[in-house]
């Protein structure tokens, strides 16, 4: 199971809304949503779409970053409570408690009162209270998933959590600007067995945006767009998800416009679709990029970033569900392509 860690940015919630039906049907992706914006209309519509298509979402109800940085813990929790309870139905939206230095006993108490009978999640951040104490405060609450973000769980932590599944949010940094010029591909996410993944199948990361509020985006002149792909290596080498930056290359001074750079990058991407070592899907986002090349209508940078995330989520979901690639080439491990029921 893949738990992409999102922060409720506009591009993220729109990408997730467009893919809710596909992700819900394949059952391989469960997003974790840590809001950073107080305006919740778009997020509410996305959560309703996820609920309608039975796509589980782990929603942090006591956010602490950006718009919530200056709010008292109780005020941030009230915001999350109102968002959650405003949803008409909430069977597939799981309340999740953020554990960090801002957490207060009052917030924990109110969280248990409101959500104690539901399957719930925890996000363990730096300076979180000891999990043994926190689990005592939660009483008999049904903690199902625990996400470790920026911290390493100890043996005592695992013991305190009992049967709850533990997943580490892997912080894979995108390359710095000079590296993009030197090497357009780099390992991004390896969905193979990992010691932090329960049963060797669960993993989490910040996706390809990257979805960290404190990470600046690359300048538009540097990379037109980035897309993940399944790197297919000759047996017995393992397959893995990599990330590739599609650049326009050098243009003449009179050709160096944003549209021309993007169109050149699209041509490079079109050529990459024929590589034997790469599977890009095709996803819905791939079709949209190719339509832009055919029609000559370039997407805005914001729309392109939304497509990048749409592509990544659908690609990983399709790989785990066995939809991508269409046939199992040598080098793609059986455990990666097996249905969820077969891996259980």
Protein backbone atom coordinates (compact mmCIF):
# COMPACT_ATOMS: atom_id res chain seq x y z
CA UNK A 1 0.00 0.00 0.00
CA UNK A 2 1.25 3.48 -0.91
CA UNK A 3 0.54 6.38 1.49
CA UNK A 4 1.49 9.58 -0.38
CA UNK A 5 1.93 12.43 2.11
CA UNK A 6 0.17 15.60 0.89
CA UNK A 7 -0.28 19.06 2.39
CA UNK A 8 -3.60 20.13 0.94
CA UNK A 9 -2.19 22.56 -1.61
CA UNK A 10 -4.55 23.48 -4.42
CA UNK A 11 -2.62 21.46 -7.01
CA UNK A 12 -2.66 18.44 -4.73
CA UNK A 13 -6.35 18.44 -3.87
CA UNK A 14 -7.31 18.93 -7.53
CA UNK A 15 -5.05 16.09 -8.65
CA UNK A 16 -6.49 13.81 -6.00
CA UNK A 17 -10.05 14.77 -6.89
CA UNK A 18 -9.51 13.91 -10.57
CA UNK A 19 -8.05 10.51 -9.63
CA UNK A 20 -10.39 9.53 -6.79
CA UNK A 21 -12.36 7.08 -8.92
CA UNK A 22 -9.27 5.32 -10.33
CA UNK A 23 -7.39 5.17 -7.02
CA UNK A 24 -10.46 4.00 -5.15
CA UNK A 25 -11.11 1.20 -7.66
CA UNK A 26 -7.52 -0.08 -7.62
CA UNK A 27 -7.24 0.07 -3.83
CA UNK A 28 -3.45 0.56 -3.70
CA UNK A 29 -3.18 4.21 -2.57
CA UNK A 30 -4.31 5.85 0.67
CA UNK A 31 -3.31 9.54 0.80
CA UNK A 32 -2.30 11.24 4.04
CA UNK A 33 -3.50 14.86 4.07
CA UNK A 34 -1.90 17.42 6.39
CA UNK A 35 -3.65 20.75 5.60
CA UNK A 36 -1.64 23.97 5.44
CA UNK A 37 -4.43 26.31 4.22
CA UNK A 38 -7.38 27.58 6.25
CA UNK A 39 -9.56 27.89 3.15
CA UNK A 40 -11.11 24.45 2.97
CA UNK A 41 -13.73 24.56 0.19
CA UNK A 42 -11.61 22.81 -2.43
CA UNK A 43 -10.33 20.26 0.06
CA UNK A 44 -13.87 19.51 1.20
CA UNK A 45 -14.94 18.81 -2.39
CA UNK A 46 -11.95 16.49 -2.80
CA UNK A 47 -12.70 14.62 0.42
CA UNK A 48 -16.31 14.19 -0.73
CA UNK A 49 -15.06 12.73 -4.01
CA UNK A 50 -12.75 10.35 -2.13
CA UNK A 51 -15.62 9.29 0.10
CA UNK A 52 -17.89 8.72 -2.90
CA UNK A 53 -15.31 6.46 -4.57
CA UNK A 54 -14.28 4.60 -1.39
CA UNK A 55 -10.77 6.00 -1.39
CA UNK A 56 -9.40 6.03 2.18
CA UNK A 57 -7.81 9.33 3.25
CA UNK A 58 -5.93 9.94 6.51
CA UNK A 59 -6.89 13.52 7.41
CA UNK A 60 -4.87 15.40 10.04
CA UNK A 61 -7.48 17.24 12.13
CA UNK A 62 -5.04 19.34 14.20
CA UNK A 63 -2.77 20.91 11.54
CA UNK A 64 0.19 23.00 12.67
CA UNK A 65 1.95 24.45 9.60
CA UNK A 66 1.67 27.67 7.58
CA UNK A 67 -1.86 29.08 8.05
CA UNK A 68 -2.17 27.19 11.35
CA UNK A 69 1.21 28.22 12.72
CA UNK A 70 -0.19 31.14 14.74
CA UNK A 71 -3.34 29.39 15.92
CA UNK A 72 -3.64 27.87 19.35
CA UNK A 73 -3.77 24.03 19.31
CA UNK A 74 -7.44 24.08 20.31
CA UNK A 75 -8.27 26.51 17.50
CA UNK A 76 -6.51 24.37 14.88
CA UNK A 77 -8.35 21.31 16.18
CA UNK A 78 -11.70 23.13 15.97
CA UNK A 79 -10.93 23.92 12.32
CA UNK A 80 -10.20 20.25 11.58
CA UNK A 81 -13.25 19.08 13.51
CA UNK A 82 -15.50 21.40 11.52
CA UNK A 83 -14.00 20.26 8.23
CA UNK A 84 -14.48 16.61 9.15
CA UNK A 85 -18.03 16.96 10.44
CA UNK A 86 -19.05 19.09 7.43
CA UNK A 87 -18.69 16.03 5.19
CA UNK A 88 -22.06 14.38 4.51
CA UNK A 89 -20.57 10.90 5.03
CA UNK A 90 -17.21 9.98 6.54
CA UNK A 91 -16.78 6.22 6.28
CA UNK A 92 -13.56 6.43 4.24
CA UNK A 93 -12.07 9.59 5.78
CA UNK A 94 -10.01 8.65 8.82
CA UNK A 95 -9.29 11.28 11.51
CA UNK A 96 -5.57 11.51 12.20
CA UNK A 97 -3.83 13.20 15.14
CA UNK A 98 -0.57 15.08 14.62
CA UNK A 99 1.88 14.41 17.46
CA UNK A 100 4.40 17.18 17.97
CA UNK A 101 5.45 19.90 20.42
CA UNK A 102 2.16 21.79 19.92
CA UNK A 103 0.00 18.87 21.05
CA UNK A 104 -1.80 19.47 24.35
CA UNK A 105 -3.64 17.03 26.66
CA UNK A 106 -6.86 18.95 25.99
CA UNK A 107 -6.59 18.32 22.24
CA UNK A 108 -5.92 14.62 22.86
CA UNK A 109 -8.93 14.40 25.18
CA UNK A 110 -11.25 16.09 22.67
CA UNK A 111 -9.87 13.94 19.83
CA UNK A 112 -10.77 10.78 21.78
CA UNK A 113 -14.22 12.12 22.67
CA UNK A 114 -15.05 12.86 19.05
CA UNK A 115 -13.28 10.09 17.16
CA UNK A 116 -12.50 7.36 19.70
CA UNK A 117 -14.96 4.89 18.15
CA UNK A 118 -13.56 5.30 14.62
CA UNK A 119 -10.44 3.83 12.98
CA UNK A 120 -7.86 6.58 13.41
CA UNK A 121 -4.31 7.48 12.47
CA UNK A 122 -1.35 9.17 14.14
CA UNK A 123 1.43 11.25 12.59
CA UNK A 124 4.51 11.20 14.81
CA UNK A 125 6.67 14.26 14.22
CA UNK A 126 9.76 15.64 15.94
CA UNK A 127 9.39 16.41 19.64
CA UNK A 128 6.29 14.26 19.90
CA UNK A 129 5.31 13.12 23.40
CA UNK A 130 6.36 9.56 24.33
CA UNK A 131 4.09 7.14 22.54
CA UNK A 132 3.60 5.05 25.66
CA UNK A 133 2.07 8.08 27.41
CA UNK A 134 0.05 9.06 24.35
CA UNK A 135 -1.45 5.58 23.93
CA UNK A 136 -2.46 5.63 27.59
CA UNK A 137 -4.26 8.94 27.00
CA UNK A 138 -5.99 7.50 23.94
CA UNK A 139 -7.31 4.61 26.00
CA UNK A 140 -8.98 1.98 23.87
CA UNK A 141 -9.09 4.11 20.72
CA UNK A 142 -8.76 2.19 17.44
CA UNK A 143 -5.35 3.35 16.19
CA UNK A 144 -4.90 1.68 12.81
CA UNK A 145 -2.06 3.55 11.04
CA UNK A 146 0.94 5.43 12.43
CA UNK A 147 3.10 7.59 10.15
CA UNK A 148 6.60 8.53 11.35
CA UNK A 149 7.56 11.85 9.77
CA UNK A 150 11.08 13.10 10.40
CA UNK A 151 11.71 10.69 13.29
CA UNK A 152 12.83 7.10 13.69
CA UNK A 153 10.58 4.83 15.78
CA UNK A 154 12.25 3.03 18.64
CA UNK A 155 11.58 -0.48 19.88
CA UNK A 156 9.63 1.08 22.76
CA UNK A 157 7.50 3.01 20.26
CA UNK A 158 6.65 -0.14 18.32
CA UNK A 159 5.78 -1.97 21.52
CA UNK A 160 3.53 0.89 22.70
CA UNK A 161 1.62 0.91 19.39
CA UNK A 162 0.63 -2.75 19.59
CA UNK A 163 -1.10 -3.94 16.43
CA UNK A 164 -1.11 -0.54 14.67
CA UNK A 165 0.66 -0.57 11.30
CA UNK A 166 3.74 1.66 11.17
CA UNK A 167 4.94 3.48 8.05
CA UNK A 168 7.87 5.86 7.71
CA UNK A 169 7.36 8.93 5.49
CA UNK A 170 10.50 8.75 3.38
CA UNK A 171 12.08 12.15 2.74
CA UNK A 172 13.61 11.77 -0.71
CA UNK A 173 15.12 15.08 -1.80
CA UNK A 174 14.95 16.14 -5.40
CA UNK A 175 18.35 16.96 -6.92
CA UNK A 176 19.76 20.46 -6.73
CA UNK A 177 19.71 22.63 -9.82
CA UNK A 178 23.18 21.71 -11.17
CA UNK A 179 22.38 17.99 -10.92
CA UNK A 180 19.39 18.40 -13.20
CA UNK A 181 21.69 19.62 -15.94
CA UNK A 182 24.08 16.68 -15.47
CA UNK A 183 21.67 13.80 -15.04
CA UNK A 184 17.99 14.00 -15.85
CA UNK A 185 17.06 10.76 -14.10
CA UNK A 186 17.43 9.76 -10.49
CA UNK A 187 15.91 7.18 -8.13
CA UNK A 188 12.83 8.64 -6.52
CA UNK A 189 10.86 5.88 -4.88
CA UNK A 190 11.64 2.20 -4.49
CA UNK A 191 8.46 0.15 -3.91
CA UNK A 192 10.39 -3.03 -3.07
CA UNK A 193 10.49 -4.60 0.41
CA UNK A 194 11.99 -2.27 3.00
CA UNK A 195 12.63 -2.88 6.71
CA UNK A 196 10.33 -0.02 7.68
CA UNK A 197 7.39 -1.33 5.69
CA UNK A 198 5.00 -3.66 7.43
CA UNK A 199 5.04 -6.94 5.51
CA UNK A 200 7.42 -5.38 2.98
CA UNK A 201 4.53 -3.71 1.16
CA UNK A 202 3.62 -0.34 2.77
CA UNK A 203 5.54 2.84 1.99
CA UNK A 204 5.07 6.61 2.14
CA UNK A 205 6.80 9.72 0.80
CA UNK A 206 6.21 13.34 -0.17
CA UNK A 207 5.46 12.66 -3.90
CA UNK A 208 7.00 14.46 -6.83
CA UNK A 209 5.89 18.06 -6.26
CA UNK A 210 7.67 17.76 -3.76
CA UNK A 211 4.90 18.10 -1.21
CA UNK A 212 6.87 19.92 1.46
CA UNK A 213 5.75 23.49 2.18
CA UNK A 214 9.33 24.56 2.94
CA UNK A 215 10.80 23.33 -0.37
CA UNK A 216 11.12 25.87 -3.21
CA UNK A 217 10.20 24.88 -6.72
CA UNK A 218 12.80 24.79 -9.47
CA UNK A 219 12.87 27.86 -11.74
CA UNK A 220 10.69 27.48 -14.82
CA UNK A 221 13.73 27.87 -17.08
CA UNK A 222 15.42 24.90 -15.45
CA UNK A 223 12.95 22.01 -15.87
CA UNK A 224 9.78 22.15 -17.93
CA UNK A 225 8.23 19.23 -16.03
CA UNK A 226 9.14 16.09 -14.09
CA UNK A 227 7.47 12.70 -14.45
CA UNK A 228 8.04 9.47 -12.59
CA UNK A 229 8.39 6.20 -14.46
CA UNK A 230 8.85 2.52 -13.76
CA UNK A 231 12.47 1.76 -14.53
CA UNK A 232 12.62 -1.72 -16.03
CA UNK A 233 16.07 -3.28 -15.67
CA UNK A 234 17.28 -6.60 -17.11
CA UNK A 235 16.80 -9.54 -14.77
CA UNK A 236 17.75 -10.08 -12.02
CA UNK A 237 18.09 -6.34 -11.36
CA UNK A 238 15.07 -4.92 -9.50
CA UNK A 239 12.53 -2.53 -10.94
CA UNK A 240 11.93 0.78 -9.20
CA UNK A 241 10.14 4.09 -9.63
CA UNK A 242 12.49 6.82 -10.91
CA UNK A 243 11.93 10.49 -11.66
CA UNK A 244 12.96 12.17 -14.89
CA UNK A 245 13.19 15.87 -15.69
CA UNK A 246 12.26 16.83 -19.23
CA UNK A 247 14.20 19.86 -20.39
CA UNK A 248 14.06 21.81 -23.60
CA UNK A 249 17.79 21.83 -24.25
CA UNK A 250 19.59 24.80 -25.75
CA UNK A 251 17.56 27.11 -27.95
CA UNK A 252 18.60 30.00 -30.16
CA UNK A 253 18.14 33.41 -28.48
CA UNK A 254 15.21 34.24 -30.75
CA UNK A 255 13.49 30.94 -29.83
CA UNK A 256 13.93 31.09 -26.07
CA UNK A 257 10.33 31.68 -25.00
CA UNK A 258 8.52 29.74 -22.28
CA UNK A 259 6.15 28.10 -24.79
CA UNK A 260 9.00 27.07 -27.06
CA UNK A 261 10.98 25.60 -24.17
CA UNK A 262 7.95 23.63 -23.01
CA UNK A 263 7.17 22.35 -26.50
CA UNK A 264 10.76 21.14 -26.93
CA UNK A 265 10.50 19.38 -23.55
CA UNK A 266 7.28 17.70 -24.69
CA UNK A 267 9.08 16.34 -27.76
CA UNK A 268 11.81 14.91 -25.52
CA UNK A 269 9.10 13.27 -23.42
CA UNK A 270 7.38 11.85 -26.53
CA UNK A 271 10.66 10.19 -27.51
CA UNK A 272 11.07 8.78 -24.00
CA UNK A 273 7.81 6.86 -24.34
CA UNK A 274 9.53 4.49 -26.78
CA UNK A 275 12.36 3.52 -24.42
CA UNK A 276 12.55 -0.15 -23.51
CA UNK A 277 13.72 0.56 -19.97
CA UNK A 278 10.84 2.86 -18.96
CA UNK A 279 7.10 2.56 -18.39
CA UNK A 280 5.19 5.87 -18.15
CA UNK A 281 1.78 4.19 -18.10
CA UNK A 282 0.25 5.71 -20.09
CA UNK A 283 -1.67 7.61 -17.45
CA UNK A 284 -4.36 10.23 -17.89
CA UNK A 285 -1.74 12.93 -17.31
CA UNK A 286 0.48 11.46 -20.05
CA UNK A 287 -2.46 11.71 -22.44
CA UNK A 288 -2.96 15.34 -21.45
CA UNK A 289 0.69 16.20 -22.07
CA UNK A 290 0.60 14.53 -25.49
CA UNK A 291 -2.64 16.34 -26.32
CA UNK A 292 -0.83 19.60 -25.55
CA UNK A 293 1.91 18.63 -27.99
CA UNK A 294 -0.59 17.71 -30.70
CA UNK A 295 -2.89 20.70 -30.21
CA UNK A 296 -0.11 23.19 -29.56
CA UNK A 297 -1.82 24.43 -26.37
CA UNK A 298 0.68 24.56 -23.53
CA UNK A 299 -0.63 24.10 -19.95
CA UNK A 300 0.14 26.72 -17.35
CA UNK A 301 2.95 25.93 -14.93
CA UNK A 302 0.39 25.40 -12.14
CA UNK A 303 -1.64 23.00 -14.29
CA UNK A 304 1.51 21.13 -15.30
CA UNK A 305 2.43 20.65 -11.63
CA UNK A 306 -1.04 19.23 -11.03
CA UNK A 307 -0.56 16.81 -13.92
CA UNK A 308 2.83 15.75 -12.52
CA UNK A 309 1.18 14.66 -9.30
CA UNK A 310 -1.76 13.05 -11.09
CA UNK A 311 0.68 11.04 -13.17
CA UNK A 312 2.74 9.93 -10.18
CA UNK A 313 -0.25 8.78 -8.13
CA UNK A 314 -1.84 6.91 -11.03
CA UNK A 315 1.45 5.33 -12.11
CA UNK A 316 2.29 3.96 -8.65
CA UNK A 317 -1.30 2.80 -8.16
CA UNK A 318 -1.31 1.09 -11.55
CA UNK A 319 2.06 -0.57 -10.95
CA UNK A 320 0.98 -1.94 -7.58
CA UNK A 321 -2.35 -3.11 -9.03
CA UNK A 322 -0.66 -4.80 -11.99
CA UNK A 323 -2.12 -2.43 -14.60
CA UNK A 324 1.31 -1.02 -15.54
CA UNK A 325 3.16 -2.34 -17.41
CA UNK A 326 0.68 -4.23 -19.55
CA UNK A 327 2.79 -7.38 -19.45
CA UNK A 328 5.25 -8.33 -16.74
CA UNK A 329 8.74 -7.77 -18.21
CA UNK A 330 11.83 -9.39 -16.76
CA UNK A 331 13.08 -7.47 -13.77
CA UNK A 332 9.69 -6.49 -12.37
CA UNK A 333 9.32 -8.43 -9.11
CA UNK A 334 6.23 -10.59 -8.68
CA UNK A 335 5.64 -9.08 -5.25
CA UNK A 336 5.38 -5.61 -6.80
CA UNK A 337 2.79 -6.57 -9.40
CA UNK A 338 0.75 -8.98 -7.30
CA UNK A 339 -2.76 -7.84 -6.26
CA UNK A 340 -3.15 -6.64 -2.69
CA UNK A 341 -5.03 -9.82 -1.71
CA UNK A 342 -2.14 -11.99 -2.91
CA UNK A 343 0.37 -9.96 -0.90
CA UNK A 344 -1.68 -10.07 2.34
